[in-house]
Amino acid sequence: MDTNMFSHCQNLAPERVASLALGGFDGLHLGHRALIEALGPGGALLAIENSHMDLTPGCVRNRFSPVPVILLSLDRVCNLTPEAFVAFLKEQFPALKQLVVGYDFRFGCQRSGSAADLA
């Protein structure tokens, strides 16, 4: 596991994460809170950082989150196909059982993947 790929805002071992909410999480509005509530035990946020657009920088996000925040630079994953991104998540988070995303979540190269592709 390439743990140097992530910035951890709390002491958290990725191999113990059972559920992840995926997104930017640069501000935690009511929709984000609903995603967090759906995580359950062993949950964390995987905040994909876009340094050019983020409202809340880095680990400052953790001040507003009741669950641990793991930061991942958009540059690390923006060129992955949806299939490669899912494979990446499986490799980096081997205990992962649940992904939680918003209704309009898009991922992968040119935002070509949707929540349906995560199933």
PDB file of N, CA and C in Angstrom:
ATOM      1  N   MET A   1       0.846  -1.172   0.000  1.00  0.00           N
ATOM      2  CA  MET A   1       0.000   0.000   0.000  1.00  0.00           C
ATOM      3  C   MET A   1       0.894   1.237   0.000  1.00  0.00           C
ATOM      4  N   ASP A   2       0.622   2.153  -0.864  1.00  0.00           N
ATOM      5  CA  ASP A   2       1.389   3.394  -0.964  1.00  0.00           C
ATOM      6  C   ASP A   2       0.786   4.442  -0.044  1.00  0.00           C
ATOM      7  N   THR A   3       1.169   4.408   1.241  1.00  0.00           N
ATOM      8  CA  THR A   3       0.579   5.329   2.201  1.00  0.00           C
ATOM      9  C   THR A   3       1.081   6.750   2.009  1.00  0.00           C
ATOM     10  N   ASN A   4       2.144   6.951   1.234  1.00  0.00           N
ATOM     11  CA  ASN A   4       2.618   8.304   0.948  1.00  0.00           C
ATOM     12  C   ASN A   4       1.677   9.032  -0.005  1.00  0.00           C
ATOM     13  N   MET A   5       0.770   8.311  -0.603  1.00  0.00           N
ATOM     14  CA  MET A   5      -0.165   8.890  -1.545  1.00  0.00           C
ATOM     15  C   MET A   5      -1.204   9.758  -0.829  1.00  0.00           C
ATOM     16  N   PHE A   6      -1.447   9.470   0.432  1.00  0.00           N
ATOM     17  CA  PHE A   6      -2.491  10.127   1.195  1.00  0.00           C
ATOM     18  C   PHE A   6      -1.906  11.061   2.241  1.00  0.00           C
ATOM     19  N   SER A   7      -2.698  12.072   2.572  1.00  0.00           N
ATOM     20  CA  SER A   7      -2.415  12.898   3.741  1.00  0.00           C
ATOM     21  C   SER A   7      -3.495  12.554   4.751  1.00  0.00           C
ATOM     22  N   HIS A   8      -3.089  12.202   5.939  1.00  0.00           N
ATOM     23  CA  HIS A   8      -4.042  11.823   6.980  1.00  0.00           C
ATOM     24  C   HIS A   8      -4.158  12.960   7.973  1.00  0.00           C
ATOM     25  N   CYS A   9      -5.379  13.346   8.233  1.00  0.00           N
ATOM     26  CA  CYS A   9      -5.619  14.419   9.185  1.00  0.00           C
ATOM     27  C   CYS A   9      -5.736  13.878  10.596  1.00  0.00           C
ATOM     28  N   GLN A  10      -5.903  12.602  10.733  1.00  0.00           N
ATOM     29  CA  GLN A  10      -5.921  11.920  12.024  1.00  0.00           C
ATOM     30  C   GLN A  10      -5.132  10.637  11.850  1.00  0.00           C
ATOM     31  N   ASN A  11      -4.750  10.037  12.956  1.00  0.00           N
ATOM     32  CA  ASN A  11      -4.049   8.764  12.890  1.00  0.00           C
ATOM     33  C   ASN A  11      -5.054   7.692  12.456  1.00  0.00           C
ATOM     34  N   LEU A  12      -4.968   7.277  11.229  1.00  0.00           N
ATOM     35  CA  LEU A  12      -5.927   6.337  10.664  1.00  0.00           C
ATOM     36  C   LEU A  12      -5.202   5.399   9.709  1.00  0.00           C
ATOM     37  N   ALA A  13      -5.417   4.121   9.892  1.00  0.00           N
ATOM     38  CA  ALA A  13      -4.814   3.128   9.006  1.00  0.00           C
ATOM     39  C   ALA A  13      -5.794   2.806   7.883  1.00  0.00           C
ATOM     40  N   PRO A  14      -5.443   3.087   6.618  1.00  0.00           N
ATOM     41  CA  PRO A  14      -6.357   2.822   5.502  1.00  0.00           C
ATOM     42  C   PRO A  14      -6.839   1.379   5.437  1.00  0.00           C
ATOM     43  N   GLU A  15      -6.008   0.435   5.887  1.00  0.00           N
ATOM     44  CA  GLU A  15      -6.413  -0.971   5.824  1.00  0.00           C
ATOM     45  C   GLU A  15      -7.515  -1.310   6.825  1.00  0.00           C
ATOM     46  N   ARG A  16      -7.885  -0.366   7.689  1.00  0.00           N
ATOM     47  CA  ARG A  16      -8.957  -0.595   8.661  1.00  0.00           C
ATOM     48  C   ARG A  16     -10.244   0.143   8.299  1.00  0.00           C
ATOM     49  N   VAL A  17     -10.223   0.885   7.222  1.00  0.00           N
ATOM     50  CA  VAL A  17     -11.396   1.661   6.816  1.00  0.00           C
ATOM     51  C   VAL A  17     -12.426   0.726   6.181  1.00  0.00           C
ATOM     52  N   ALA A  18     -13.625   0.676   6.756  1.00  0.00           N
ATOM     53  CA  ALA A  18     -14.679  -0.200   6.258  1.00  0.00           C
ATOM     54  C   ALA A  18     -15.624   0.511   5.291  1.00  0.00           C
ATOM     55  N   SER A  19     -15.753   1.824   5.445  1.00  0.00           N
ATOM     56  CA  SER A  19     -16.627   2.572   4.551  1.00  0.00           C
ATOM     57  C   SER A  19     -16.023   3.940   4.278  1.00  0.00           C
ATOM     58  N   LEU A  20     -16.222   4.395   3.060  1.00  0.00           N
ATOM     59  CA  LEU A  20     -15.680   5.680   2.625  1.00  0.00           C
ATOM     60  C   LEU A  20     -16.777   6.510   1.968  1.00  0.00           C
ATOM     61  N   ALA A  21     -16.794   7.775   2.314  1.00  0.00           N
ATOM     62  CA  ALA A  21     -17.576   8.736   1.550  1.00  0.00           C
ATOM     63  C   ALA A  21     -16.585   9.435   0.636  1.00  0.00           C
ATOM     64  N   LEU A  22     -16.886   9.479  -0.651  1.00  0.00           N
ATOM     65  CA  LEU A  22     -15.984  10.058  -1.632  1.00  0.00           C
ATOM     66  C   LEU A  22     -16.486  11.426  -2.067  1.00  0.00           C
ATOM     67  N   GLY A  23     -15.569  12.369  -2.207  1.00  0.00           N
ATOM     68  CA  GLY A  23     -15.945  13.689  -2.705  1.00  0.00           C
ATOM     69  C   GLY A  23     -14.895  14.723  -2.386  1.00  0.00           C
ATOM     70  N   GLY A  24     -15.250  15.964  -2.607  1.00  0.00           N
ATOM     71  CA  GLY A  24     -14.341  17.061  -2.328  1.00  0.00           C
ATOM     72  C   GLY A  24     -14.364  17.471  -0.858  1.00  0.00           C
ATOM     73  N   PHE A  25     -15.537  17.551  -0.290  1.00  0.00           N
ATOM     74  CA  PHE A  25     -15.720  17.885   1.118  1.00  0.00           C
ATOM     75  C   PHE A  25     -14.951  19.131   1.528  1.00  0.00           C
ATOM     76  N   ASP A  26     -14.949  20.139   0.658  1.00  0.00           N
ATOM     77  CA  ASP A  26     -14.250  21.376   1.011  1.00  0.00           C
ATOM     78  C   ASP A  26     -15.140  22.314   1.819  1.00  0.00           C
ATOM     79  N   GLY A  27     -16.336  21.907   2.081  1.00  0.00           N
ATOM     80  CA  GLY A  27     -17.269  22.557   2.982  1.00  0.00           C
ATOM     81  C   GLY A  27     -18.289  21.484   3.323  1.00  0.00           C
ATOM     82  N   LEU A  28     -18.665  21.346   4.572  1.00  0.00           N
ATOM     83  CA  LEU A  28     -19.569  20.252   4.938  1.00  0.00           C
ATOM     84  C   LEU A  28     -20.987  20.786   5.082  1.00  0.00           C
ATOM     85  N   HIS A  29     -21.732  20.733   3.988  1.00  0.00           N
ATOM     86  CA  HIS A  29     -23.113  21.196   4.002  1.00  0.00           C
ATOM     87  C   HIS A  29     -24.045  20.036   4.385  1.00  0.00           C
ATOM     88  N   LEU A  30     -25.338  20.272   4.383  1.00  0.00           N
ATOM     89  CA  LEU A  30     -26.298  19.258   4.813  1.00  0.00           C
ATOM     90  C   LEU A  30     -26.215  17.971   3.992  1.00  0.00           C
ATOM     91  N   GLY A  31     -25.982  18.096   2.690  1.00  0.00           N
ATOM     92  CA  GLY A  31     -25.835  16.899   1.862  1.00  0.00           C
ATOM     93  C   GLY A  31     -24.639  16.061   2.284  1.00  0.00           C
ATOM     94  N   HIS A  32     -23.532  16.716   2.601  1.00  0.00           N
ATOM     95  CA  HIS A  32     -22.348  15.996   3.077  1.00  0.00           C
ATOM     96  C   HIS A  32     -22.642  15.317   4.408  1.00  0.00           C
ATOM     97  N   ARG A  33     -23.362  15.997   5.283  1.00  0.00           N
ATOM     98  CA  ARG A  33     -23.704  15.414   6.588  1.00  0.00           C
ATOM     99  C   ARG A  33     -24.518  14.131   6.412  1.00  0.00           C
ATOM    100  N   ALA A  34     -25.411  14.108   5.427  1.00  0.00           N
ATOM    101  CA  ALA A  34     -26.196  12.899   5.165  1.00  0.00           C
ATOM    102  C   ALA A  34     -25.292  11.751   4.718  1.00  0.00           C
ATOM    103  N   LEU A  35     -24.276  12.047   3.914  1.00  0.00           N
ATOM    104  CA  LEU A  35     -23.327  11.015   3.495  1.00  0.00           C
ATOM    105  C   LEU A  35     -22.559  10.473   4.692  1.00  0.00           C
ATOM    106  N   ILE A  36     -22.142  11.368   5.576  1.00  0.00           N
ATOM    107  CA  ILE A  36     -21.389  10.970   6.769  1.00  0.00           C
ATOM    108  C   ILE A  36     -22.243  10.058   7.651  1.00  0.00           C
ATOM    109  N   GLU A  37     -23.509  10.397   7.814  1.00  0.00           N
ATOM    110  CA  GLU A  37     -24.409   9.573   8.637  1.00  0.00           C
ATOM    111  C   GLU A  37     -24.568   8.174   8.067  1.00  0.00           C
ATOM    112  N   ALA A  38     -24.444   8.020   6.762  1.00  0.00           N
ATOM    113  CA  ALA A  38     -24.601   6.716   6.115  1.00  0.00           C
ATOM    114  C   ALA A  38     -23.363   5.833   6.251  1.00  0.00           C
ATOM    115  N   LEU A  39     -22.246   6.377   6.734  1.00  0.00           N
ATOM    116  CA  LEU A  39     -20.996   5.623   6.780  1.00  0.00           C
ATOM    117  C   LEU A  39     -21.011   4.471   7.776  1.00  0.00           C
ATOM    118  N   GLY A  40     -21.484   4.685   8.957  1.00  0.00           N
ATOM    119  CA  GLY A  40     -21.431   3.656   9.985  1.00  0.00           C
ATOM    120  C   GLY A  40     -20.040   3.544  10.591  1.00  0.00           C
ATOM    121  N   PRO A  41     -19.841   2.527  11.446  1.00  0.00           N
ATOM    122  CA  PRO A  41     -18.551   2.338  12.112  1.00  0.00           C
ATOM    123  C   PRO A  41     -17.425   2.080  11.115  1.00  0.00           C
ATOM    124  N   GLY A  42     -16.251   2.577  11.423  1.00  0.00           N
ATOM    125  CA  GLY A  42     -15.093   2.383  10.556  1.00  0.00           C
ATOM    126  C   GLY A  42     -15.121   3.256   9.325  1.00  0.00           C
ATOM    127  N   GLY A  43     -15.934   4.304   9.352  1.00  0.00           N
ATOM    128  CA  GLY A  43     -16.068   5.176   8.199  1.00  0.00           C
ATOM    129  C   GLY A  43     -15.107   6.340   8.205  1.00  0.00           C
ATOM    130  N   ALA A  44     -14.830   6.840   7.021  1.00  0.00           N
ATOM    131  CA  ALA A  44     -13.943   7.989   6.843  1.00  0.00           C
ATOM    132  C   ALA A  44     -14.345   8.731   5.573  1.00  0.00           C
ATOM    133  N   LEU A  45     -13.889   9.951   5.463  1.00  0.00           N
ATOM    134  CA  LEU A  45     -14.062  10.720   4.239  1.00  0.00           C
ATOM    135  C   LEU A  45     -12.796  10.617   3.421  1.00  0.00           C
ATOM    136  N   LEU A  46     -12.928  10.328   2.151  1.00  0.00           N
ATOM    137  CA  LEU A  46     -11.807  10.432   1.224  1.00  0.00           C
ATOM    138  C   LEU A  46     -12.047  11.721   0.451  1.00  0.00           C
ATOM    139  N   ALA A  47     -11.375  12.767   0.899  1.00  0.00           N
ATOM    140  CA  ALA A  47     -11.540  14.092   0.298  1.00  0.00           C
ATOM    141  C   ALA A  47     -10.533  14.248  -0.827  1.00  0.00           C
ATOM    142  N   ILE A  48     -11.050  14.382  -2.023  1.00  0.00           N
ATOM    143  CA  ILE A  48     -10.188  14.528  -3.190  1.00  0.00           C
ATOM    144  C   ILE A  48      -9.950  16.020  -3.384  1.00  0.00           C
ATOM    145  N   GLU A  49      -8.711  16.409  -3.167  1.00  0.00           N
ATOM    146  CA  GLU A  49      -8.351  17.826  -3.169  1.00  0.00           C
ATOM    147  C   GLU A  49      -8.054  18.351  -4.560  1.00  0.00           C
ATOM    148  N   ASN A  50      -8.637  19.470  -4.852  1.00  0.00           N
ATOM    149  CA  ASN A  50      -8.336  20.217  -6.064  1.00  0.00           C
ATOM    150  C   ASN A  50      -7.796  21.559  -5.595  1.00  0.00           C
ATOM    151  N   SER A  51      -6.496  21.687  -5.538  1.00  0.00           N
ATOM    152  CA  SER A  51      -5.866  22.860  -4.926  1.00  0.00           C
ATOM    153  C   SER A  51      -6.274  24.175  -5.584  1.00  0.00           C
ATOM    154  N   HIS A  52      -6.789  24.112  -6.805  1.00  0.00           N
ATOM    155  CA  HIS A  52      -7.182  25.336  -7.495  1.00  0.00           C
ATOM    156  C   HIS A  52      -8.596  25.783  -7.133  1.00  0.00           C
ATOM    157  N   MET A  53      -9.386  24.894  -6.539  1.00  0.00           N
ATOM    158  CA  MET A  53     -10.790  25.216  -6.304  1.00  0.00           C
ATOM    159  C   MET A  53     -11.249  25.028  -4.870  1.00  0.00           C
ATOM    160  N   ASP A  54     -10.449  24.459  -3.997  1.00  0.00           N
ATOM    161  CA  ASP A  54     -10.894  24.148  -2.651  1.00  0.00           C
ATOM    162  C   ASP A  54     -11.163  25.394  -1.823  1.00  0.00           C
ATOM    163  N   LEU A  55     -12.286  25.372  -1.130  1.00  0.00           N
ATOM    164  CA  LEU A  55     -12.637  26.447  -0.209  1.00  0.00           C
ATOM    165  C   LEU A  55     -11.965  26.258   1.144  1.00  0.00           C
ATOM    166  N   THR A  56     -11.867  25.004   1.562  1.00  0.00           N
ATOM    167  CA  THR A  56     -11.285  24.672   2.857  1.00  0.00           C
ATOM    168  C   THR A  56     -10.025  23.848   2.610  1.00  0.00           C
ATOM    169  N   PRO A  57      -8.867  24.382   2.929  1.00  0.00           N
ATOM    170  CA  PRO A  57      -7.621  23.677   2.603  1.00  0.00           C
ATOM    171  C   PRO A  57      -7.319  22.503   3.532  1.00  0.00           C
ATOM    172  N   GLY A  58      -6.744  21.473   2.945  1.00  0.00           N
ATOM    173  CA  GLY A  58      -6.156  20.353   3.662  1.00  0.00           C
ATOM    174  C   GLY A  58      -6.903  19.859   4.883  1.00  0.00           C
ATOM    175  N   CYS A  59      -6.147  19.674   5.946  1.00  0.00           N
ATOM    176  CA  CYS A  59      -6.680  19.084   7.164  1.00  0.00           C
ATOM    177  C   CYS A  59      -7.621  20.007   7.928  1.00  0.00           C
ATOM    178  N   VAL A  60      -7.798  21.224   7.478  1.00  0.00           N
ATOM    179  CA  VAL A  60      -8.798  22.092   8.104  1.00  0.00           C
ATOM    180  C   VAL A  60     -10.165  21.430   8.005  1.00  0.00           C
ATOM    181  N   ARG A  61     -10.373  20.626   6.978  1.00  0.00           N
ATOM    182  CA  ARG A  61     -11.636  19.903   6.807  1.00  0.00           C
ATOM    183  C   ARG A  61     -11.960  19.055   8.030  1.00  0.00           C
ATOM    184  N   ASN A  62     -10.926  18.526   8.663  1.00  0.00           N
ATOM    185  CA  ASN A  62     -11.135  17.643   9.805  1.00  0.00           C
ATOM    186  C   ASN A  62     -11.800  18.357  10.979  1.00  0.00           C
ATOM    187  N   ARG A  63     -11.640  19.656  11.073  1.00  0.00           N
ATOM    188  CA  ARG A  63     -12.279  20.421  12.148  1.00  0.00           C
ATOM    189  C   ARG A  63     -13.797  20.358  12.052  1.00  0.00           C
ATOM    190  N   PHE A  64     -14.307  20.127  10.868  1.00  0.00           N
ATOM    191  CA  PHE A  64     -15.741  20.159  10.628  1.00  0.00           C
ATOM    192  C   PHE A  64     -16.358  18.772  10.463  1.00  0.00           C
ATOM    193  N   SER A  65     -15.518  17.753  10.480  1.00  0.00           N
ATOM    194  CA  SER A  65     -15.994  16.396  10.226  1.00  0.00           C
ATOM    195  C   SER A  65     -16.002  15.564  11.504  1.00  0.00           C
ATOM    196  N   PRO A  66     -17.090  14.830  11.752  1.00  0.00           N
ATOM    197  CA  PRO A  66     -17.125  13.935  12.906  1.00  0.00           C
ATOM    198  C   PRO A  66     -16.406  12.602  12.656  1.00  0.00           C
ATOM    199  N   VAL A  67     -15.970  12.378  11.432  1.00  0.00           N
ATOM    200  CA  VAL A  67     -15.226  11.154  11.094  1.00  0.00           C
ATOM    201  C   VAL A  67     -13.868  11.556  10.529  1.00  0.00           C
ATOM    202  N   PRO A  68     -12.898  10.648  10.542  1.00  0.00           N
ATOM    203  CA  PRO A  68     -11.570  10.970  10.017  1.00  0.00           C
ATOM    204  C   PRO A  68     -11.615  11.367   8.542  1.00  0.00           C
ATOM    205  N   VAL A  69     -10.692  12.250   8.177  1.00  0.00           N
ATOM    206  CA  VAL A  69     -10.564  12.725   6.804  1.00  0.00           C
ATOM    207  C   VAL A  69      -9.231  12.237   6.240  1.00  0.00           C
ATOM    208  N   ILE A  70      -9.282  11.631   5.067  1.00  0.00           N
ATOM    209  CA  ILE A  70      -8.091  11.225   4.329  1.00  0.00           C
ATOM    210  C   ILE A  70      -8.064  12.096   3.083  1.00  0.00           C
ATOM    211  N   LEU A  71      -6.941  12.741   2.837  1.00  0.00           N
ATOM    212  CA  LEU A  71      -6.821  13.627   1.683  1.00  0.00           C
ATOM    213  C   LEU A  71      -6.080  12.935   0.552  1.00  0.00           C
ATOM    214  N   LEU A  72      -6.573  13.141  -0.646  1.00  0.00           N
ATOM    215  CA  LEU A  72      -5.959  12.584  -1.849  1.00  0.00           C
ATOM    216  C   LEU A  72      -5.967  13.673  -2.904  1.00  0.00           C
ATOM    217  N   SER A  73      -4.822  13.962  -3.469  1.00  0.00           N
ATOM    218  CA  SER A  73      -4.736  14.986  -4.497  1.00  0.00           C
ATOM    219  C   SER A  73      -5.430  14.525  -5.773  1.00  0.00           C
ATOM    220  N   LEU A  74      -6.227  15.398  -6.339  1.00  0.00           N
ATOM    221  CA  LEU A  74      -6.894  15.113  -7.611  1.00  0.00           C
ATOM    222  C   LEU A  74      -5.881  14.715  -8.679  1.00  0.00           C
ATOM    223  N   ASP A  75      -4.708  15.311  -8.648  1.00  0.00           N
ATOM    224  CA  ASP A  75      -3.673  14.994  -9.634  1.00  0.00           C
ATOM    225  C   ASP A  75      -3.288  13.518  -9.628  1.00  0.00           C
ATOM    226  N   ARG A  76      -3.441  12.842  -8.496  1.00  0.00           N
ATOM    227  CA  ARG A  76      -3.077  11.429  -8.392  1.00  0.00           C
ATOM    228  C   ARG A  76      -4.062  10.497  -9.099  1.00  0.00           C
ATOM    229  N   VAL A  77      -5.304  10.956  -9.248  1.00  0.00           N
ATOM    230  CA  VAL A  77      -6.333  10.058  -9.775  1.00  0.00           C
ATOM    231  C   VAL A  77      -7.094  10.595 -10.988  1.00  0.00           C
ATOM    232  N   CYS A  78      -6.849  11.816 -11.386  1.00  0.00           N
ATOM    233  CA  CYS A  78      -7.669  12.433 -12.436  1.00  0.00           C
ATOM    234  C   CYS A  78      -7.547  11.748 -13.792  1.00  0.00           C
ATOM    235  N   ASN A  79      -6.474  11.042 -14.044  1.00  0.00           N
ATOM    236  CA  ASN A  79      -6.299  10.380 -15.343  1.00  0.00           C
ATOM    237  C   ASN A  79      -6.667   8.899 -15.328  1.00  0.00           C
ATOM    238  N   LEU A  80      -7.157   8.410 -14.194  1.00  0.00           N
ATOM    239  CA  LEU A  80      -7.553   7.004 -14.111  1.00  0.00           C
ATOM    240  C   LEU A  80      -8.915   6.795 -14.763  1.00  0.00           C
ATOM    241  N   THR A  81      -9.078   5.659 -15.410  1.00  0.00           N
ATOM    242  CA  THR A  81     -10.398   5.282 -15.898  1.00  0.00           C
ATOM    243  C   THR A  81     -11.259   4.954 -14.673  1.00  0.00           C
ATOM    244  N   PRO A  82     -12.570   4.922 -14.827  1.00  0.00           N
ATOM    245  CA  PRO A  82     -13.405   4.515 -13.691  1.00  0.00           C
ATOM    246  C   PRO A  82     -13.012   3.148 -13.138  1.00  0.00           C
ATOM    247  N   GLU A  83     -12.713   2.200 -14.014  1.00  0.00           N
ATOM    248  CA  GLU A  83     -12.317   0.864 -13.564  1.00  0.00           C
ATOM    249  C   GLU A  83     -11.004   0.905 -12.784  1.00  0.00           C
ATOM    250  N   ALA A  84     -10.051   1.694 -13.252  1.00  0.00           N
ATOM    251  CA  ALA A  84      -8.763   1.814 -12.561  1.00  0.00           C
ATOM    252  C   ALA A  84      -8.936   2.506 -11.208  1.00  0.00           C
ATOM    253  N   PHE A  85      -9.845   3.457 -11.129  1.00  0.00           N
ATOM    254  CA  PHE A  85     -10.095   4.133  -9.854  1.00  0.00           C
ATOM    255  C   PHE A  85     -10.690   3.161  -8.842  1.00  0.00           C
ATOM    256  N   VAL A  86     -11.634   2.337  -9.265  1.00  0.00           N
ATOM    257  CA  VAL A  86     -12.219   1.339  -8.372  1.00  0.00           C
ATOM    258  C   VAL A  86     -11.147   0.340  -7.929  1.00  0.00           C
ATOM    259  N   ALA A  87     -10.292  -0.085  -8.839  1.00  0.00           N
ATOM    260  CA  ALA A  87      -9.190  -0.994  -8.490  1.00  0.00           C
ATOM    261  C   ALA A  87      -8.249  -0.332  -7.496  1.00  0.00           C
ATOM    262  N   PHE A  88      -7.985   0.951  -7.695  1.00  0.00           N
ATOM    263  CA  PHE A  88      -7.155   1.722  -6.770  1.00  0.00           C
ATOM    264  C   PHE A  88      -7.769   1.710  -5.359  1.00  0.00           C
ATOM    265  N   LEU A  89      -9.068   1.966  -5.260  1.00  0.00           N
ATOM    266  CA  LEU A  89      -9.730   1.962  -3.950  1.00  0.00           C
ATOM    267  C   LEU A  89      -9.634   0.594  -3.288  1.00  0.00           C
ATOM    268  N   LYS A  90      -9.840  -0.472  -4.061  1.00  0.00           N
ATOM    269  CA  LYS A  90      -9.757  -1.826  -3.513  1.00  0.00           C
ATOM    270  C   LYS A  90      -8.361  -2.136  -2.990  1.00  0.00           C
ATOM    271  N   GLU A  91      -7.361  -1.682  -3.714  1.00  0.00           N
ATOM    272  CA  GLU A  91      -5.976  -1.931  -3.303  1.00  0.00           C
ATOM    273  C   GLU A  91      -5.609  -1.132  -2.055  1.00  0.00           C
ATOM    274  N   GLN A  92      -5.973   0.129  -2.023  1.00  0.00           N
ATOM    275  CA  GLN A  92      -5.577   1.014  -0.930  1.00  0.00           C
ATOM    276  C   GLN A  92      -6.393   0.807   0.341  1.00  0.00           C
ATOM    277  N   PHE A  93      -7.624   0.318   0.199  1.00  0.00           N
ATOM    278  CA  PHE A  93      -8.519   0.126   1.337  1.00  0.00           C
ATOM    279  C   PHE A  93      -9.057  -1.313   1.315  1.00  0.00           C
ATOM    280  N   PRO A  94      -8.230  -2.292   1.681  1.00  0.00           N
ATOM    281  CA  PRO A  94      -8.610  -3.702   1.531  1.00  0.00           C
ATOM    282  C   PRO A  94      -9.809  -4.137   2.374  1.00  0.00           C
ATOM    283  N   ALA A  95     -10.135  -3.429   3.448  1.00  0.00           N
ATOM    284  CA  ALA A  95     -11.289  -3.797   4.281  1.00  0.00           C
ATOM    285  C   ALA A  95     -12.562  -3.079   3.847  1.00  0.00           C
ATOM    286  N   LEU A  96     -12.489  -2.323   2.773  1.00  0.00           N
ATOM    287  CA  LEU A  96     -13.609  -1.508   2.315  1.00  0.00           C
ATOM    288  C   LEU A  96     -14.808  -2.373   1.933  1.00  0.00           C
ATOM    289  N   LYS A  97     -15.950  -2.053   2.535  1.00  0.00           N
ATOM    290  CA  LYS A  97     -17.189  -2.780   2.266  1.00  0.00           C
ATOM    291  C   LYS A  97     -18.268  -1.872   1.690  1.00  0.00           C
ATOM    292  N   GLN A  98     -18.125  -0.551   1.877  1.00  0.00           N
ATOM    293  CA  GLN A  98     -19.175   0.366   1.460  1.00  0.00           C
ATOM    294  C   GLN A  98     -18.579   1.677   0.960  1.00  0.00           C
ATOM    295  N   LEU A  99     -19.121   2.164  -0.151  1.00  0.00           N
ATOM    296  CA  LEU A  99     -18.806   3.495  -0.658  1.00  0.00           C
ATOM    297  C   LEU A  99     -20.081   4.322  -0.606  1.00  0.00           C
ATOM    298  N   VAL A 100     -19.930   5.555  -0.168  1.00  0.00           N
ATOM    299  CA  VAL A 100     -21.065   6.462  -0.065  1.00  0.00           C
ATOM    300  C   VAL A 100     -20.737   7.684  -0.904  1.00  0.00           C
ATOM    301  N   VAL A 101     -21.638   8.018  -1.836  1.00  0.00           N
ATOM    302  CA  VAL A 101     -21.424   9.175  -2.701  1.00  0.00           C
ATOM    303  C   VAL A 101     -22.741   9.924  -2.870  1.00  0.00           C
ATOM    304  N   GLY A 102     -22.633  11.156  -3.294  1.00  0.00           N
ATOM    305  CA  GLY A 102     -23.811  11.957  -3.571  1.00  0.00           C
ATOM    306  C   GLY A 102     -24.447  11.581  -4.897  1.00  0.00           C
ATOM    307  N   TYR A 103     -25.656  12.073  -5.111  1.00  0.00           N
ATOM    308  CA  TYR A 103     -26.426  11.725  -6.309  1.00  0.00           C
ATOM    309  C   TYR A 103     -25.739  12.149  -7.603  1.00  0.00           C
ATOM    310  N   ASP A 104     -24.917  13.187  -7.524  1.00  0.00           N
ATOM    311  CA  ASP A 104     -24.283  13.708  -8.736  1.00  0.00           C
ATOM    312  C   ASP A 104     -22.786  13.394  -8.806  1.00  0.00           C
ATOM    313  N   PHE A 105     -22.344  12.412  -8.036  1.00  0.00           N
ATOM    314  CA  PHE A 105     -20.924  12.068  -7.986  1.00  0.00           C
ATOM    315  C   PHE A 105     -20.445  11.571  -9.338  1.00  0.00           C
ATOM    316  N   ARG A 106     -19.325  12.084  -9.794  1.00  0.00           N
ATOM    317  CA  ARG A 106     -18.657  11.665 -11.033  1.00  0.00           C
ATOM    318  C   ARG A 106     -17.192  11.420 -10.697  1.00  0.00           C
ATOM    319  N   PHE A 107     -16.570  10.484 -11.388  1.00  0.00           N
ATOM    320  CA  PHE A 107     -15.165  10.182 -11.124  1.00  0.00           C
ATOM    321  C   PHE A 107     -14.525   9.612 -12.372  1.00  0.00           C
ATOM    322  N   GLY A 108     -13.223   9.476 -12.302  1.00  0.00           N
ATOM    323  CA  GLY A 108     -12.477   8.924 -13.423  1.00  0.00           C
ATOM    324  C   GLY A 108     -12.111   9.994 -14.436  1.00  0.00           C
ATOM    325  N   CYS A 109     -11.301   9.592 -15.385  1.00  0.00           N
ATOM    326  CA  CYS A 109     -10.843  10.493 -16.431  1.00  0.00           C
ATOM    327  C   CYS A 109     -12.031  11.166 -17.112  1.00  0.00           C
ATOM    328  N   GLN A 110     -11.987  12.460 -17.192  1.00  0.00           N
ATOM    329  CA  GLN A 110     -13.044  13.287 -17.783  1.00  0.00           C
ATOM    330  C   GLN A 110     -14.401  13.031 -17.119  1.00  0.00           C
ATOM    331  N   ARG A 111     -14.360  12.677 -15.823  1.00  0.00           N
ATOM    332  CA  ARG A 111     -15.586  12.462 -15.047  1.00  0.00           C
ATOM    333  C   ARG A 111     -16.522  11.464 -15.740  1.00  0.00           C
ATOM    334  N   SER A 112     -15.922  10.424 -16.315  1.00  0.00           N
ATOM    335  CA  SER A 112     -16.691   9.473 -17.120  1.00  0.00           C
ATOM    336  C   SER A 112     -17.417   8.404 -16.293  1.00  0.00           C
ATOM    337  N   GLY A 113     -17.106   8.270 -15.003  1.00  0.00           N
ATOM    338  CA  GLY A 113     -17.768   7.293 -14.154  1.00  0.00           C
ATOM    339  C   GLY A 113     -18.830   7.935 -13.287  1.00  0.00           C
ATOM    340  N   SER A 114     -19.865   7.156 -12.961  1.00  0.00           N
ATOM    341  CA  SER A 114     -20.933   7.637 -12.102  1.00  0.00           C
ATOM    342  C   SER A 114     -21.108   6.694 -10.903  1.00  0.00           C
ATOM    343  N   ALA A 115     -22.013   7.043 -10.020  1.00  0.00           N
ATOM    344  CA  ALA A 115     -22.265   6.201  -8.847  1.00  0.00           C
ATOM    345  C   ALA A 115     -22.643   4.786  -9.262  1.00  0.00           C
ATOM    346  N   ALA A 116     -23.367   4.628 -10.362  1.00  0.00           N
ATOM    347  CA  ALA A 116     -23.768   3.295 -10.835  1.00  0.00           C
ATOM    348  C   ALA A 116     -22.547   2.427 -11.161  1.00  0.00           C
ATOM    349  N   ASP A 117     -21.450   3.058 -11.598  1.00  0.00           N
ATOM    350  CA  ASP A 117     -20.246   2.308 -11.937  1.00  0.00           C
ATOM    351  C   ASP A 117     -19.516   1.792 -10.705  1.00  0.00           C
ATOM    352  N   LEU A 118     -19.815   2.342  -9.550  1.00  0.00           N
ATOM    353  CA  LEU A 118     -19.182   1.890  -8.319  1.00  0.00           C
ATOM    354  C   LEU A 118     -19.765   0.573  -7.828  1.00  0.00           C
ATOM    355  N   ALA A 119     -21.002   0.302  -8.221  1.00  0.00           N
ATOM    356  CA  ALA A 119     -21.665  -0.945  -7.790  1.00  0.00           C
ATOM    357  C   ALA A 119     -20.929  -2.141  -8.365  1.00  0.00           C
TER     358      ALA A 119
END
